[in-house]
């Protein structure tokens, strides 16, 4: 995986591509920088509301931070997005995580 620095340059080079903020969110999650990770998940989803796994991983971060209500809301939006784009695998994973929070 590219470094945070490389991903930041990639995002600057093409600010309309949702991959770079998603990848930055994942890297910040690995580094334990969870609030920063949430910001990058939000940036990704602002660029592409159908980026289903951004919802999944954002909800996991929210759950880790103790924001179960926020995680449920994120998963609800993610489930709607997965249905809209027809991503059955993401739909199952999002639904499964939502069931864990219930």
C-alpha atoms as a PDB file:
ATOM      1  CA  UNK A   1       0.000   0.000   0.000  1.00  0.00           C
ATOM      2  CA  UNK A   2       1.280   3.482  -0.805  1.00  0.00           C
ATOM      3  CA  UNK A   3       2.339   5.713   2.067  1.00  0.00           C
ATOM      4  CA  UNK A   4       0.242   8.530   3.477  1.00  0.00           C
ATOM      5  CA  UNK A   5       2.559  10.976   1.700  1.00  0.00           C
ATOM      6  CA  UNK A   6       2.121   9.225  -1.665  1.00  0.00           C
ATOM      7  CA  UNK A   7      -1.636   9.031  -1.230  1.00  0.00           C
ATOM      8  CA  UNK A   8      -1.809  12.713  -0.309  1.00  0.00           C
ATOM      9  CA  UNK A   9       0.031  13.549  -3.546  1.00  0.00           C
ATOM     10  CA  UNK A  10      -2.330  11.270  -5.470  1.00  0.00           C
ATOM     11  CA  UNK A  11      -5.334  13.019  -3.956  1.00  0.00           C
ATOM     12  CA  UNK A  12      -3.868  16.434  -4.833  1.00  0.00           C
ATOM     13  CA  UNK A  13      -3.241  15.275  -8.408  1.00  0.00           C
ATOM     14  CA  UNK A  14      -6.860  14.161  -8.880  1.00  0.00           C
ATOM     15  CA  UNK A  15      -9.165  15.553  -6.189  1.00  0.00           C
ATOM     16  CA  UNK A  16     -12.212  13.977  -7.887  1.00  0.00           C
ATOM     17  CA  UNK A  17     -11.004  10.377  -7.496  1.00  0.00           C
ATOM     18  CA  UNK A  18     -12.548   8.714  -4.401  1.00  0.00           C
ATOM     19  CA  UNK A  19      -9.799   6.074  -4.165  1.00  0.00           C
ATOM     20  CA  UNK A  20      -7.158   8.347  -2.605  1.00  0.00           C
ATOM     21  CA  UNK A  21      -9.305   9.576   0.314  1.00  0.00           C
ATOM     22  CA  UNK A  22     -10.530   6.002   0.879  1.00  0.00           C
ATOM     23  CA  UNK A  23      -6.965   4.696   0.928  1.00  0.00           C
ATOM     24  CA  UNK A  24      -5.911   7.563   3.218  1.00  0.00           C
ATOM     25  CA  UNK A  25      -8.765   6.702   5.568  1.00  0.00           C
ATOM     26  CA  UNK A  26      -7.604   3.089   5.682  1.00  0.00           C
ATOM     27  CA  UNK A  27      -3.998   4.119   6.343  1.00  0.00           C
ATOM     28  CA  UNK A  28      -5.017   6.508   9.137  1.00  0.00           C
ATOM     29  CA  UNK A  29      -7.149   3.728  10.627  1.00  0.00           C
ATOM     30  CA  UNK A  30      -4.109   1.429  10.674  1.00  0.00           C
ATOM     31  CA  UNK A  31      -2.098   4.197  12.332  1.00  0.00           C
ATOM     32  CA  UNK A  32      -4.774   4.609  15.020  1.00  0.00           C
ATOM     33  CA  UNK A  33      -5.640   8.117  13.812  1.00  0.00           C
ATOM     34  CA  UNK A  34      -9.344   7.372  13.846  1.00  0.00           C
ATOM     35  CA  UNK A  35     -10.789  10.892  13.784  1.00  0.00           C
ATOM     36  CA  UNK A  36      -8.627  11.708  10.762  1.00  0.00           C
ATOM     37  CA  UNK A  37      -9.731   8.439   9.172  1.00  0.00           C
ATOM     38  CA  UNK A  38     -13.387   9.458   9.570  1.00  0.00           C
ATOM     39  CA  UNK A  39     -12.666  12.727   7.773  1.00  0.00           C
ATOM     40  CA  UNK A  40     -11.169  10.869   4.815  1.00  0.00           C
ATOM     41  CA  UNK A  41     -14.041   8.370   4.692  1.00  0.00           C
ATOM     42  CA  UNK A  42     -16.398  11.355   4.529  1.00  0.00           C
ATOM     43  CA  UNK A  43     -14.324  12.895   1.720  1.00  0.00           C
ATOM     44  CA  UNK A  44     -14.479   9.627  -0.202  1.00  0.00           C
ATOM     45  CA  UNK A  45     -18.247   9.353   0.208  1.00  0.00           C
ATOM     46  CA  UNK A  46     -18.742  12.985  -0.804  1.00  0.00           C
ATOM     47  CA  UNK A  47     -17.012  12.141  -4.086  1.00  0.00           C
ATOM     48  CA  UNK A  48     -18.772   8.802  -4.608  1.00  0.00           C
ATOM     49  CA  UNK A  49     -21.807   7.925  -2.499  1.00  0.00           C
ATOM     50  CA  UNK A  50     -21.713   4.418  -3.985  1.00  0.00           C
ATOM     51  CA  UNK A  51     -18.279   3.570  -2.541  1.00  0.00           C
ATOM     52  CA  UNK A  52     -19.859   0.911  -0.328  1.00  0.00           C
ATOM     53  CA  UNK A  53     -16.837  -0.280   1.620  1.00  0.00           C
ATOM     54  CA  UNK A  54     -16.171   3.263   2.800  1.00  0.00           C
ATOM     55  CA  UNK A  55     -19.443   3.001   4.728  1.00  0.00           C
ATOM     56  CA  UNK A  56     -18.434  -0.362   6.157  1.00  0.00           C
ATOM     57  CA  UNK A  57     -15.013   0.756   7.382  1.00  0.00           C
ATOM     58  CA  UNK A  58     -16.287   4.148   8.563  1.00  0.00           C
ATOM     59  CA  UNK A  59     -18.890   2.351  10.684  1.00  0.00           C
ATOM     60  CA  UNK A  60     -16.209   0.101  12.142  1.00  0.00           C
ATOM     61  CA  UNK A  61     -14.183   3.164  13.143  1.00  0.00           C
ATOM     62  CA  UNK A  62     -17.274   4.784  14.643  1.00  0.00           C
ATOM     63  CA  UNK A  63     -17.964   1.596  16.587  1.00  0.00           C
ATOM     64  CA  UNK A  64     -14.377   1.567  17.868  1.00  0.00           C
ATOM     65  CA  UNK A  65     -14.798   5.176  18.998  1.00  0.00           C
ATOM     66  CA  UNK A  66     -17.974   4.226  20.868  1.00  0.00           C
ATOM     67  CA  UNK A  67     -20.325   5.980  18.445  1.00  0.00           C
ATOM     68  CA  UNK A  68     -22.768   3.118  17.917  1.00  0.00           C
ATOM     69  CA  UNK A  69     -25.567   5.458  16.858  1.00  0.00           C
ATOM     70  CA  UNK A  70     -23.346   7.045  14.219  1.00  0.00           C
ATOM     71  CA  UNK A  71     -22.200   3.620  13.060  1.00  0.00           C
ATOM     72  CA  UNK A  72     -25.806   2.497  12.645  1.00  0.00           C
ATOM     73  CA  UNK A  73     -26.612   5.607  10.609  1.00  0.00           C
ATOM     74  CA  UNK A  74     -23.549   5.059   8.426  1.00  0.00           C
ATOM     75  CA  UNK A  75     -24.512   1.437   7.849  1.00  0.00           C
ATOM     76  CA  UNK A  76     -28.088   2.402   6.979  1.00  0.00           C
ATOM     77  CA  UNK A  77     -26.773   4.812   4.332  1.00  0.00           C
ATOM     78  CA  UNK A  78     -24.321   2.170   3.130  1.00  0.00           C
ATOM     79  CA  UNK A  79     -27.056  -0.446   2.780  1.00  0.00           C
ATOM     80  CA  UNK A  80     -29.111   1.975   0.673  1.00  0.00           C
ATOM     81  CA  UNK A  81     -26.054   2.718  -1.476  1.00  0.00           C
ATOM     82  CA  UNK A  82     -25.254  -0.979  -1.935  1.00  0.00           C
ATOM     83  CA  UNK A  83     -28.832  -1.641  -3.031  1.00  0.00           C
ATOM     84  CA  UNK A  84     -28.702   1.304  -5.433  1.00  0.00           C
ATOM     85  CA  UNK A  85     -25.461   0.173  -7.101  1.00  0.00           C
ATOM     86  CA  UNK A  86     -26.363  -3.523  -6.932  1.00  0.00           C
ATOM     87  CA  UNK A  87     -23.405  -4.629  -4.781  1.00  0.00           C
ATOM     88  CA  UNK A  88     -24.747  -7.764  -3.098  1.00  0.00           C
ATOM     89  CA  UNK A  89     -21.485  -8.622  -1.336  1.00  0.00           C
ATOM     90  CA  UNK A  90     -21.234  -5.182   0.243  1.00  0.00           C
ATOM     91  CA  UNK A  91     -24.931  -5.334   1.118  1.00  0.00           C
ATOM     92  CA  UNK A  92     -24.401  -8.588   3.021  1.00  0.00           C
ATOM     93  CA  UNK A  93     -21.352  -7.275   4.872  1.00  0.00           C
ATOM     94  CA  UNK A  94     -23.008  -3.969   5.762  1.00  0.00           C
ATOM     95  CA  UNK A  95     -26.141  -5.760   6.926  1.00  0.00           C
ATOM     96  CA  UNK A  96     -24.086  -8.203   8.985  1.00  0.00           C
ATOM     97  CA  UNK A  97     -22.247  -5.386  10.749  1.00  0.00           C
ATOM     98  CA  UNK A  98     -25.553  -3.621  11.401  1.00  0.00           C
ATOM     99  CA  UNK A  99     -26.923  -6.843  12.949  1.00  0.00           C
ATOM    100  CA  UNK A 100     -23.878  -6.955  15.254  1.00  0.00           C
ATOM    101  CA  UNK A 101     -24.711  -3.436  16.478  1.00  0.00           C
ATOM    102  CA  UNK A 102     -28.384  -4.206  17.149  1.00  0.00           C
END
